[in-house]
């Protein structure tokens, strides 16, 4: 019997959105619906993304509504990227129309209520309203344009979100085994670093390649150079061998490494400090000793003369 970390009851847009967040956190999620998922309230809705409260009693939730509207574009882009579907997102505002039986005082009160809550609202005449939407009747008194409104194709969006849950999410992490991003070596010397490539998404990653961008005449090799498959939550250790240019002067250098698949990539930037070889230090000390010895010999030999 198949088991899940979490189960969502209801396969509409809200249920699918919750399932997507849970799968993005690495959980195995089951979505269950009494009918065909996404074919009830989410299928019948108008696809309006509106922060405007429908009554004065709901004005208290306006800050939450505005935050939701601001978060929608990023969420939509994520769903479109995972599903490959265009959900028809449009931020063109909305037009409220008022028939002749609605008084100017009532319209002015509604307009003021919108502005008082911080929403952008613009009063337009019946002629201007008909220009904005030629399909409406000319027997209207006025209209209010609400610029904060957006819309999308709710049916496509619901299906796309459900597909995104099934497809899963792609994410990749690249770091060192001790999470330190700096080390040192000598000019012409080599340094081995243990890298960790981890699949932090919820879908398998295949053919993960590793590349490096280095200073001139530096070399970097990887073992293994490619990871055939990386399951969700799994990680693989890769040994990076870095060889500095033999003519590199002492100082700090940057080596950038990238792990990449067709779906995702991750970068790690390393600071490499080139130090002067200890051999040259000993040679310098020997030269100083030789000079001192030579001066002493000359002093002993010719000093009294």
Protein backbone atom coordinates (compact mmCIF):
# COMPACT_ATOMS: atom_id res chain seq x y z
CA UNK A 1 0.00 0.00 0.00
CA UNK A 2 1.34 3.40 -0.96
CA UNK A 3 2.05 5.71 1.95
CA UNK A 4 2.39 9.51 2.10
CA UNK A 5 3.97 12.05 4.41
CA UNK A 6 0.89 14.26 4.02
CA UNK A 7 -2.57 13.95 2.47
CA UNK A 8 -4.61 16.86 1.08
CA UNK A 9 -8.39 16.49 0.94
CA UNK A 10 -9.66 18.44 -2.05
CA UNK A 11 -8.03 18.77 -5.46
CA UNK A 12 -9.05 22.32 -6.30
CA UNK A 13 -6.72 25.29 -6.57
CA UNK A 14 -6.26 25.67 -2.81
CA UNK A 15 -5.62 21.96 -2.29
CA UNK A 16 -3.20 21.85 -5.23
CA UNK A 17 -1.34 24.94 -3.96
CA UNK A 18 -0.94 23.38 -0.51
CA UNK A 19 0.28 20.14 -2.08
CA UNK A 20 2.81 22.03 -4.19
CA UNK A 21 4.27 23.75 -1.12
CA UNK A 22 4.49 20.44 0.73
CA UNK A 23 6.22 18.67 -2.17
CA UNK A 24 8.62 21.61 -2.44
CA UNK A 25 9.54 20.93 1.20
CA UNK A 26 10.48 17.36 0.24
CA UNK A 27 7.33 15.55 1.40
CA UNK A 28 5.53 12.77 -0.44
CA UNK A 29 1.99 14.11 -0.85
CA UNK A 30 -1.31 12.52 -1.89
CA UNK A 31 -4.18 14.67 -3.21
CA UNK A 32 -7.68 13.18 -2.99
CA UNK A 33 -10.99 14.53 -4.27
CA UNK A 34 -14.50 13.08 -4.35
CA UNK A 35 -14.82 14.22 -7.96
CA UNK A 36 -12.31 14.86 -10.73
CA UNK A 37 -9.66 17.16 -9.21
CA UNK A 38 -10.10 20.83 -10.05
CA UNK A 39 -13.57 20.49 -11.60
CA UNK A 40 -15.76 22.04 -8.90
CA UNK A 41 -15.49 25.56 -7.38
CA UNK A 42 -12.07 26.20 -8.95
CA UNK A 43 -13.48 25.30 -12.38
CA UNK A 44 -16.47 27.63 -11.98
CA UNK A 45 -14.69 30.71 -10.58
CA UNK A 46 -14.01 33.83 -12.61
CA UNK A 47 -10.24 33.87 -12.16
CA UNK A 48 -10.23 37.30 -10.52
CA UNK A 49 -7.27 38.27 -8.33
CA UNK A 50 -8.84 41.06 -6.32
CA UNK A 51 -7.79 42.62 -3.01
CA UNK A 52 -11.03 44.62 -2.76
CA UNK A 53 -13.26 43.60 0.16
CA UNK A 54 -16.77 42.58 -0.86
CA UNK A 55 -18.25 44.24 2.21
CA UNK A 56 -17.27 46.67 4.95
CA UNK A 57 -17.00 43.75 7.39
CA UNK A 58 -14.14 42.27 5.35
CA UNK A 59 -12.04 45.46 5.31
CA UNK A 60 -9.99 44.10 8.22
CA UNK A 61 -8.43 41.43 5.95
CA UNK A 62 -7.35 43.94 3.29
CA UNK A 63 -3.63 43.87 4.31
CA UNK A 64 -3.65 40.08 3.86
CA UNK A 65 -5.42 40.44 0.50
CA UNK A 66 -2.87 42.99 -0.73
CA UNK A 67 0.02 40.74 0.35
CA UNK A 68 -1.60 37.85 -1.52
CA UNK A 69 -1.95 39.92 -4.71
CA UNK A 70 1.74 40.92 -4.50
CA UNK A 71 2.78 37.27 -4.04
CA UNK A 72 0.69 35.96 -6.95
CA UNK A 73 3.04 36.82 -9.89
CA UNK A 74 5.94 34.84 -8.42
CA UNK A 75 3.70 31.86 -7.64
CA UNK A 76 2.19 31.97 -11.15
CA UNK A 77 5.65 32.06 -12.74
CA UNK A 78 6.67 29.05 -10.66
CA UNK A 79 3.58 27.05 -11.70
CA UNK A 80 4.06 27.99 -15.38
CA UNK A 81 7.74 27.00 -15.21
CA UNK A 82 6.96 23.59 -13.71
CA UNK A 83 3.92 22.78 -15.85
CA UNK A 84 4.97 24.42 -19.11
CA UNK A 85 1.55 26.08 -19.37
CA UNK A 86 0.63 29.75 -19.84
CA UNK A 87 -2.19 30.56 -17.41
CA UNK A 88 -3.11 33.88 -19.03
CA UNK A 89 -2.14 36.19 -16.18
CA UNK A 90 -3.16 39.81 -16.87
CA UNK A 91 -2.79 42.84 -14.60
CA UNK A 92 -5.07 45.22 -16.44
CA UNK A 93 -7.38 46.24 -13.59
CA UNK A 94 -11.16 45.78 -13.34
CA UNK A 95 -14.14 47.90 -14.22
CA UNK A 96 -17.12 48.19 -11.87
CA UNK A 97 -20.24 49.57 -13.58
CA UNK A 98 -23.27 51.15 -11.94
CA UNK A 99 -26.69 51.22 -13.54
CA UNK A 100 -28.88 54.31 -13.60
CA UNK A 101 -30.76 53.39 -10.40
CA UNK A 102 -27.55 53.75 -8.37
CA UNK A 103 -27.23 57.33 -7.17
CA UNK A 104 -24.17 59.51 -7.57
CA UNK A 105 -23.94 59.67 -3.77
CA UNK A 106 -23.73 55.88 -3.50
CA UNK A 107 -21.04 55.76 -6.20
CA UNK A 108 -19.07 58.50 -4.45
CA UNK A 109 -19.31 56.58 -1.16
CA UNK A 110 -18.00 53.38 -2.79
CA UNK A 111 -15.15 55.30 -4.42
CA UNK A 112 -14.20 56.93 -1.13
CA UNK A 113 -14.29 53.56 0.63
CA UNK A 114 -11.80 52.13 -1.88
CA UNK A 115 -9.47 55.08 -1.51
CA UNK A 116 -9.75 55.07 2.28
CA UNK A 117 -8.53 51.49 2.41
CA UNK A 118 -5.51 52.32 0.25
CA UNK A 119 -6.74 50.85 -3.04
CA UNK A 120 -6.28 52.67 -6.34
CA UNK A 121 -9.69 53.60 -7.76
CA UNK A 122 -10.69 55.97 -10.57
CA UNK A 123 -14.17 57.28 -11.36
CA UNK A 124 -15.07 57.20 -15.09
CA UNK A 125 -18.15 58.43 -16.94
CA UNK A 126 -20.56 56.12 -18.74
CA UNK A 127 -18.96 57.11 -22.07
CA UNK A 128 -15.46 56.32 -20.78
CA UNK A 129 -16.67 53.01 -19.37
CA UNK A 130 -18.12 52.03 -22.76
CA UNK A 131 -14.81 52.88 -24.42
CA UNK A 132 -12.99 50.62 -21.99
CA UNK A 133 -15.51 47.79 -22.49
CA UNK A 134 -17.65 48.17 -25.63
CA UNK A 135 -19.76 45.11 -24.73
CA UNK A 136 -21.48 46.77 -21.75
CA UNK A 137 -24.80 48.58 -22.02
CA UNK A 138 -24.85 52.31 -22.53
CA UNK A 139 -27.55 52.58 -19.84
CA UNK A 140 -25.13 52.99 -17.00
CA UNK A 141 -24.54 55.96 -14.75
CA UNK A 142 -20.77 55.63 -14.22
CA UNK A 143 -17.95 53.22 -13.57
CA UNK A 144 -15.00 52.75 -11.22
CA UNK A 145 -11.68 51.42 -12.53
CA UNK A 146 -9.79 49.41 -9.90
CA UNK A 147 -6.16 49.31 -11.00
CA UNK A 148 -5.03 46.83 -8.33
CA UNK A 149 -7.04 44.00 -9.90
CA UNK A 150 -5.62 41.16 -12.01
CA UNK A 151 -7.02 38.02 -13.60
CA UNK A 152 -6.07 34.68 -15.14
CA UNK A 153 -7.64 31.62 -16.73
CA UNK A 154 -8.66 29.78 -13.57
CA UNK A 155 -9.24 26.45 -15.31
CA UNK A 156 -5.80 26.37 -16.89
CA UNK A 157 -4.25 27.63 -13.66
CA UNK A 158 -5.86 24.88 -11.57
CA UNK A 159 -4.77 22.17 -14.02
CA UNK A 160 -1.28 23.65 -14.23
CA UNK A 161 -0.92 23.69 -10.43
CA UNK A 162 -2.00 20.04 -10.21
CA UNK A 163 0.51 19.14 -12.93
CA UNK A 164 3.22 21.03 -11.05
CA UNK A 165 2.51 18.85 -8.00
CA UNK A 166 2.90 15.71 -10.10
CA UNK A 167 6.00 16.99 -11.91
CA UNK A 168 7.67 18.11 -8.69
CA UNK A 169 10.25 20.83 -8.19
CA UNK A 170 13.89 21.05 -9.27
CA UNK A 171 16.54 22.43 -6.97
CA UNK A 172 20.27 21.84 -6.54
CA UNK A 173 22.87 22.74 -3.94
CA UNK A 174 26.67 22.85 -4.25
CA UNK A 175 28.99 23.36 -1.30
CA UNK A 176 32.09 21.89 0.35
CA UNK A 177 31.92 19.02 2.84
CA UNK A 178 32.75 21.37 5.74
CA UNK A 179 30.86 24.32 4.14
CA UNK A 180 34.04 26.42 4.13
CA UNK A 181 34.55 28.33 0.90
CA UNK A 182 38.20 29.33 1.30
CA UNK A 183 41.52 27.51 1.34
CA UNK A 184 45.18 28.03 0.45
CA UNK A 185 47.90 26.54 -1.75
CA UNK A 186 51.31 27.46 -3.15
CA UNK A 187 52.15 28.64 -6.66
CA UNK A 188 52.23 25.60 -8.93
CA UNK A 189 50.77 23.47 -6.14
CA UNK A 190 47.52 21.52 -5.97
CA UNK A 191 44.71 21.30 -3.45
CA UNK A 192 41.96 18.67 -3.22
CA UNK A 193 38.55 19.84 -2.06
CA UNK A 194 35.62 17.60 -1.15
CA UNK A 195 32.45 19.04 -2.72
CA UNK A 196 28.89 17.96 -1.94
CA UNK A 197 26.26 18.05 -4.69
CA UNK A 198 22.75 17.68 -3.23
CA UNK A 199 19.31 17.39 -4.84
CA UNK A 200 17.17 19.67 -2.66
CA UNK A 201 14.12 19.39 -4.95
CA UNK A 202 11.40 16.76 -5.21
CA UNK A 203 12.22 15.33 -8.66
CA UNK A 204 15.12 13.22 -9.90
CA UNK A 205 18.02 15.07 -11.49
CA UNK A 206 20.06 13.39 -14.22
CA UNK A 207 23.38 14.08 -15.92
CA UNK A 208 24.64 16.58 -13.35
CA UNK A 209 27.84 18.07 -14.78
CA UNK A 210 30.52 20.09 -12.99
CA UNK A 211 32.55 22.93 -14.45
CA UNK A 212 34.86 25.65 -13.11
CA UNK A 213 35.88 29.19 -14.00
CA UNK A 214 39.47 29.88 -12.95
CA UNK A 215 42.21 32.50 -13.13
CA UNK A 216 44.50 32.32 -16.17
CA UNK A 217 46.61 29.14 -16.37
CA UNK A 218 44.90 27.50 -13.40
CA UNK A 219 43.38 24.02 -13.74
CA UNK A 220 40.44 22.28 -12.03
CA UNK A 221 39.42 18.65 -12.52
CA UNK A 222 36.49 16.78 -10.94
CA UNK A 223 36.13 13.16 -9.91
CA UNK A 224 33.53 12.15 -10.93
CA UNK A 225 33.08 14.78 -13.64
CA UNK A 226 29.38 13.88 -14.09
CA UNK A 227 26.69 12.40 -11.84
CA UNK A 228 24.33 10.15 -13.81
CA UNK A 229 21.37 10.43 -11.43
CA UNK A 230 20.57 12.17 -8.18
CA UNK A 231 17.36 11.26 -6.34
CA UNK A 232 15.39 13.83 -4.28
CA UNK A 233 17.20 14.48 -1.00
CA UNK A 234 20.26 12.51 -2.09
CA UNK A 235 23.80 13.89 -2.21
CA UNK A 236 27.07 12.85 -3.85
CA UNK A 237 30.64 13.75 -2.92
CA UNK A 238 32.88 15.04 -5.69
CA UNK A 239 36.63 15.62 -5.37
CA UNK A 240 37.80 18.84 -7.02
CA UNK A 241 41.55 19.05 -7.68
CA UNK A 242 42.72 22.65 -8.07
CA UNK A 243 46.16 23.42 -9.50
CA UNK A 244 47.51 26.96 -9.31
CA UNK A 245 49.63 28.62 -11.99
CA UNK A 246 53.32 28.08 -11.23
CA UNK A 247 53.91 31.82 -11.78
CA UNK A 248 51.05 32.95 -9.53
CA UNK A 249 52.14 35.64 -7.10
CA UNK A 250 51.06 35.60 -3.46
CA UNK A 251 47.51 36.84 -2.91
CA UNK A 252 43.83 35.89 -3.13
CA UNK A 253 42.21 34.38 -6.23
CA UNK A 254 38.61 33.40 -7.05
CA UNK A 255 37.61 30.00 -8.43
CA UNK A 256 33.92 29.58 -9.32
CA UNK A 257 32.41 26.11 -9.60
CA UNK A 258 29.05 25.15 -11.10
CA UNK A 259 26.93 22.01 -10.93
CA UNK A 260 24.32 21.96 -13.68
CA UNK A 261 21.49 19.90 -15.14
CA UNK A 262 19.00 20.68 -17.88
CA UNK A 263 16.57 21.93 -15.23
CA UNK A 264 18.68 23.64 -12.57
CA UNK A 265 22.16 24.85 -11.66
CA UNK A 266 24.02 25.77 -8.47
CA UNK A 267 27.22 27.76 -7.93
CA UNK A 268 29.95 27.88 -5.30
CA UNK A 269 32.58 30.63 -5.22
CA UNK A 270 35.89 29.75 -3.54
CA UNK A 271 38.58 32.14 -2.32
CA UNK A 272 42.01 30.62 -2.98
CA UNK A 273 44.97 32.17 -1.17
CA UNK A 274 48.35 31.60 -2.85
CA UNK A 275 51.16 31.56 -0.31
CA UNK A 276 54.92 31.77 -0.86
CA UNK A 277 56.54 28.32 -0.87
CA UNK A 278 58.24 27.31 2.42
CA UNK A 279 61.25 26.15 0.36
CA UNK A 280 62.00 29.71 -0.69
CA UNK A 281 61.80 30.76 2.94
CA UNK A 282 64.45 28.22 3.89
CA UNK A 283 66.59 29.25 0.92
CA UNK A 284 66.37 32.85 2.12
CA UNK A 285 67.41 31.85 5.62
CA UNK A 286 70.37 29.87 4.27
CA UNK A 287 71.48 32.82 2.16
CA UNK A 288 71.37 35.10 5.21
CA UNK A 289 73.37 32.58 7.24
CA UNK A 290 75.91 32.26 4.42
CA UNK A 291 76.31 36.05 4.20
CA UNK A 292 76.75 36.37 7.98
CA UNK A 293 79.26 33.50 7.91
CA UNK A 294 81.20 35.14 5.09
CA UNK A 295 81.36 38.47 6.92
CA UNK A 296 82.52 36.71 10.07
CA UNK A 297 85.24 34.85 8.14
CA UNK A 298 86.47 38.05 6.54
CA UNK A 299 86.51 39.82 9.89
CA UNK A 300 88.50 37.01 11.53
CA UNK A 301 90.91 36.77 8.61
CA UNK A 302 91.58 40.41 7.78
CA UNK A 303 90.12 42.33 10.72
CA UNK A 304 93.42 42.82 12.65
CA UNK A 305 95.36 43.88 9.59
